């Protein structure tokens, strides 16, 4: 099973999630919604890449990571979620 590193942070009234390995994002009113939208986005992204015969591995550029981390604090969490039989998500956050 492939695992991905996810960052979660509160931004205004919503939560934002970022997959570091794929540069894919999600958001929602709760942490759970942000993770769910990210899971859907990752699965859609991987499916599209597979359909096009492309490699999905494209890490987040440092400037995008800096932009994501700037501003409001990340919540301290460490969780593991399964997306499908082939994909797992390992989420991190820090205050």
Protein backbone atom coordinates (compact mmCIF):
# COMPACT_ATOMS: atom_id res chain seq x y z
CA UNK A 1 0.00 0.00 0.00
CA UNK A 2 1.31 3.45 -0.93
CA UNK A 3 1.23 6.02 1.87
CA UNK A 4 1.11 9.79 1.49
CA UNK A 5 2.03 12.59 3.89
CA UNK A 6 -0.78 15.04 4.58
CA UNK A 7 -0.68 18.41 6.32
CA UNK A 8 -3.86 19.83 7.87
CA UNK A 9 -4.39 23.40 8.98
CA UNK A 10 -7.22 25.70 9.95
CA UNK A 11 -7.62 28.62 7.56
CA UNK A 12 -10.31 31.10 8.53
CA UNK A 13 -13.56 29.19 8.95
CA UNK A 14 -12.40 26.02 7.20
CA UNK A 15 -9.74 23.30 7.29
CA UNK A 16 -7.27 22.81 4.45
CA UNK A 17 -5.38 19.60 3.67
CA UNK A 18 -2.30 19.16 1.45
CA UNK A 19 -0.72 15.95 0.13
CA UNK A 20 3.03 16.60 0.03
CA UNK A 21 3.89 13.87 -2.47
CA UNK A 22 1.21 14.72 -5.06
CA UNK A 23 0.55 18.48 -4.64
CA UNK A 24 -3.17 17.72 -4.21
CA UNK A 25 -5.38 19.69 -1.79
CA UNK A 26 -8.74 19.40 -0.07
CA UNK A 27 -10.82 21.54 2.27
CA UNK A 28 -13.90 21.43 4.47
CA UNK A 29 -15.68 22.93 7.45
CA UNK A 30 -14.16 20.23 9.70
CA UNK A 31 -10.88 18.29 9.76
CA UNK A 32 -12.82 15.20 8.69
CA UNK A 33 -14.34 17.00 5.69
CA UNK A 34 -10.91 18.30 4.70
CA UNK A 35 -9.51 14.76 4.84
CA UNK A 36 -12.50 13.33 2.94
CA UNK A 37 -12.21 15.88 0.12
CA UNK A 38 -8.47 15.23 -0.05
CA UNK A 39 -9.01 11.46 -0.19
CA UNK A 40 -11.41 11.96 -3.11
CA UNK A 41 -8.96 14.32 -4.81
CA UNK A 42 -6.05 11.87 -4.41
CA UNK A 43 -8.06 8.96 -5.78
CA UNK A 44 -9.26 11.08 -8.74
CA UNK A 45 -5.73 12.34 -9.40
CA UNK A 46 -4.21 8.85 -9.30
CA UNK A 47 -6.95 7.50 -11.56
CA UNK A 48 -6.45 10.28 -14.12
CA UNK A 49 -2.67 9.82 -14.08
CA UNK A 50 -3.08 6.08 -14.59
CA UNK A 51 -5.55 6.62 -17.45
CA UNK A 52 -3.07 8.99 -19.13
CA UNK A 53 -0.12 6.65 -18.54
CA UNK A 54 1.70 9.26 -16.44
CA UNK A 55 3.66 8.96 -13.21
CA UNK A 56 1.77 10.47 -10.25
CA UNK A 57 4.86 11.23 -8.16
CA UNK A 58 5.31 15.00 -8.11
CA UNK A 59 6.30 16.44 -4.71
CA UNK A 60 5.07 19.84 -3.56
CA UNK A 61 7.41 22.65 -4.64
CA UNK A 62 9.01 24.42 -1.68
CA UNK A 63 7.36 27.77 -2.46
CA UNK A 64 3.91 26.15 -2.31
CA UNK A 65 4.82 24.37 0.94
CA UNK A 66 6.01 27.67 2.45
CA UNK A 67 2.77 29.35 1.36
CA UNK A 68 0.70 26.54 2.91
CA UNK A 69 2.61 26.69 6.20
CA UNK A 70 2.58 30.49 6.46
CA UNK A 71 -0.05 32.16 8.57
CA UNK A 72 -2.28 30.16 10.88
CA UNK A 73 -0.95 27.24 12.91
CA UNK A 74 -1.33 23.61 12.04
CA UNK A 75 -3.21 21.49 14.55
CA UNK A 76 -1.18 18.84 16.37
CA UNK A 77 -2.35 15.49 15.05
CA UNK A 78 -1.00 12.27 13.70
CA UNK A 79 -3.54 9.95 12.13
CA UNK A 80 -3.68 7.17 9.59
CA UNK A 81 -6.50 6.74 7.07
CA UNK A 82 -7.11 4.28 4.24
CA UNK A 83 -8.29 5.69 0.92
CA UNK A 84 -8.73 2.46 -0.97
CA UNK A 85 -7.09 -0.95 -1.14
CA UNK A 86 -4.03 0.63 -2.76
CA UNK A 87 -3.66 4.03 -1.10
CA UNK A 88 -3.11 5.06 2.51
CA UNK A 89 -2.81 8.53 3.99
CA UNK A 90 -0.65 9.42 6.95
CA UNK A 91 -1.57 12.88 8.21
CA UNK A 92 0.59 15.21 10.29
CA UNK A 93 0.06 18.55 11.90
CA UNK A 94 1.93 20.77 14.34
CA UNK A 95 0.87 23.78 16.37
